[in-house]
Amino acid sequence: MTKGLYLRLAISKPEVVWMNTMETILRIIQEEGRITPTVLAKKIGKSRVLVNVYLRALENLGIVRRVGRGLYELTEEGACLIKNSSHQ
């Protein structure tokens, strides 16, 4: 996904930041395989509390799943989403 796409869709700046952060989180999870919110927060420079908000939203959408105490990974749907977004 690109910022140009967001602008064409008339998405506000806070929504662009939200979407860019979500995409960054998904790509890091893809690279790491499994990751904790604490490690993810350090990698993206956000608070662990905020990262947990993102992860819960992604989990509710079926894009990531919690596989252990504080450990997350992509679902098949999440992996497909990342794969499809990188081909655009």
Protein backbone atom coordinates (compact mmCIF):
# COMPACT_ATOMS: atom_id res chain seq x y z
CA MET A 1 0.00 0.00 0.00
CA THR A 2 1.21 3.46 -0.74
CA LYS A 3 0.46 6.87 0.68
CA GLY A 4 -0.75 7.89 -2.77
CA LEU A 5 -3.42 5.22 -2.59
CA TYR A 6 -4.56 6.54 0.79
CA LEU A 7 -4.77 10.07 -0.55
CA ARG A 8 -6.78 8.97 -3.58
CA LEU A 9 -9.21 7.29 -1.21
CA ALA A 10 -9.54 10.55 0.76
CA ILE A 11 -8.36 9.01 4.02
CA SER A 12 -7.43 11.50 6.74
CA LYS A 13 -3.88 11.87 8.05
CA PRO A 14 -4.57 10.04 11.36
CA GLU A 15 -6.02 7.16 9.36
CA VAL A 16 -2.93 7.10 7.13
CA VAL A 17 -0.72 6.93 10.23
CA TRP A 18 -2.91 4.13 11.63
CA MET A 19 -2.75 2.17 8.36
CA ASN A 20 1.00 2.71 7.91
CA THR A 21 1.62 1.49 11.46
CA MET A 22 -0.60 -1.54 10.89
CA GLU A 23 1.29 -2.37 7.71
CA THR A 24 4.64 -1.97 9.50
CA ILE A 25 3.47 -4.27 12.30
CA LEU A 26 2.33 -6.90 9.82
CA ARG A 27 5.60 -6.82 7.90
CA ILE A 28 7.62 -7.18 11.11
CA ILE A 29 5.49 -10.12 12.23
CA GLN A 30 5.99 -11.66 8.79
CA GLU A 31 9.78 -11.26 9.08
CA GLU A 32 9.99 -12.49 12.69
CA GLY A 33 7.43 -15.28 12.46
CA ARG A 34 6.28 -14.81 16.05
CA ILE A 35 6.77 -11.75 18.22
CA THR A 36 5.75 -10.25 21.54
CA PRO A 37 4.15 -6.81 21.89
CA THR A 38 7.16 -5.61 23.89
CA VAL A 39 9.66 -6.49 21.15
CA LEU A 40 7.31 -5.14 18.48
CA ALA A 41 6.93 -1.85 20.39
CA LYS A 42 10.71 -1.43 20.53
CA LYS A 43 11.04 -2.14 16.81
CA ILE A 44 8.45 0.47 15.78
CA GLY A 45 9.10 3.06 18.48
CA LYS A 46 5.60 2.99 19.96
CA SER A 47 4.38 2.12 23.45
CA ARG A 48 3.53 -1.48 24.29
CA VAL A 49 0.04 -0.34 25.25
CA LEU A 50 -0.51 1.15 21.79
CA VAL A 51 0.95 -1.95 20.10
CA ASN A 52 -1.54 -4.06 22.07
CA VAL A 53 -4.37 -1.90 20.69
CA TYR A 54 -3.13 -2.55 17.15
CA LEU A 55 -2.70 -6.27 17.81
CA ARG A 56 -6.21 -6.61 19.25
CA ALA A 57 -7.64 -4.86 16.19
CA LEU A 58 -5.66 -7.14 13.87
CA GLU A 59 -6.70 -10.17 15.89
CA ASN A 60 -10.37 -9.16 15.69
CA LEU A 61 -9.99 -8.91 11.91
CA GLY A 62 -8.47 -12.40 11.78
CA ILE A 63 -5.13 -11.12 10.47
CA VAL A 64 -3.00 -12.13 13.46
CA ARG A 65 -3.53 -14.65 16.23
CA ARG A 66 -2.25 -15.01 19.73
CA VAL A 67 -0.38 -18.30 19.98
CA GLY A 68 0.86 -18.08 23.53
CA ARG A 69 1.12 -15.73 26.41
CA GLY A 70 1.92 -12.46 24.67
CA LEU A 71 3.10 -14.11 21.47
CA TYR A 72 1.54 -13.28 18.10
CA GLU A 73 1.87 -14.55 14.53
CA LEU A 74 0.16 -13.96 11.20
CA THR A 75 -2.83 -16.06 10.24
CA GLU A 76 -3.09 -17.48 6.73
CA GLU A 77 -5.33 -14.52 5.88
CA GLY A 78 -2.72 -12.12 7.23
CA ALA A 79 0.05 -13.76 5.22
CA CYS A 80 -2.09 -13.51 2.07
CA LEU A 81 -2.83 -9.86 2.80
CA ILE A 82 0.87 -9.03 3.08
CA LYS A 83 1.69 -11.03 -0.04
CA ASN A 84 -1.05 -9.30 -2.07
CA SER A 85 -0.18 -5.80 -0.84
CA SER A 86 3.48 -6.23 -1.83
CA HIS A 87 2.47 -7.06 -5.41
CA GLN A 88 0.62 -3.77 -5.95
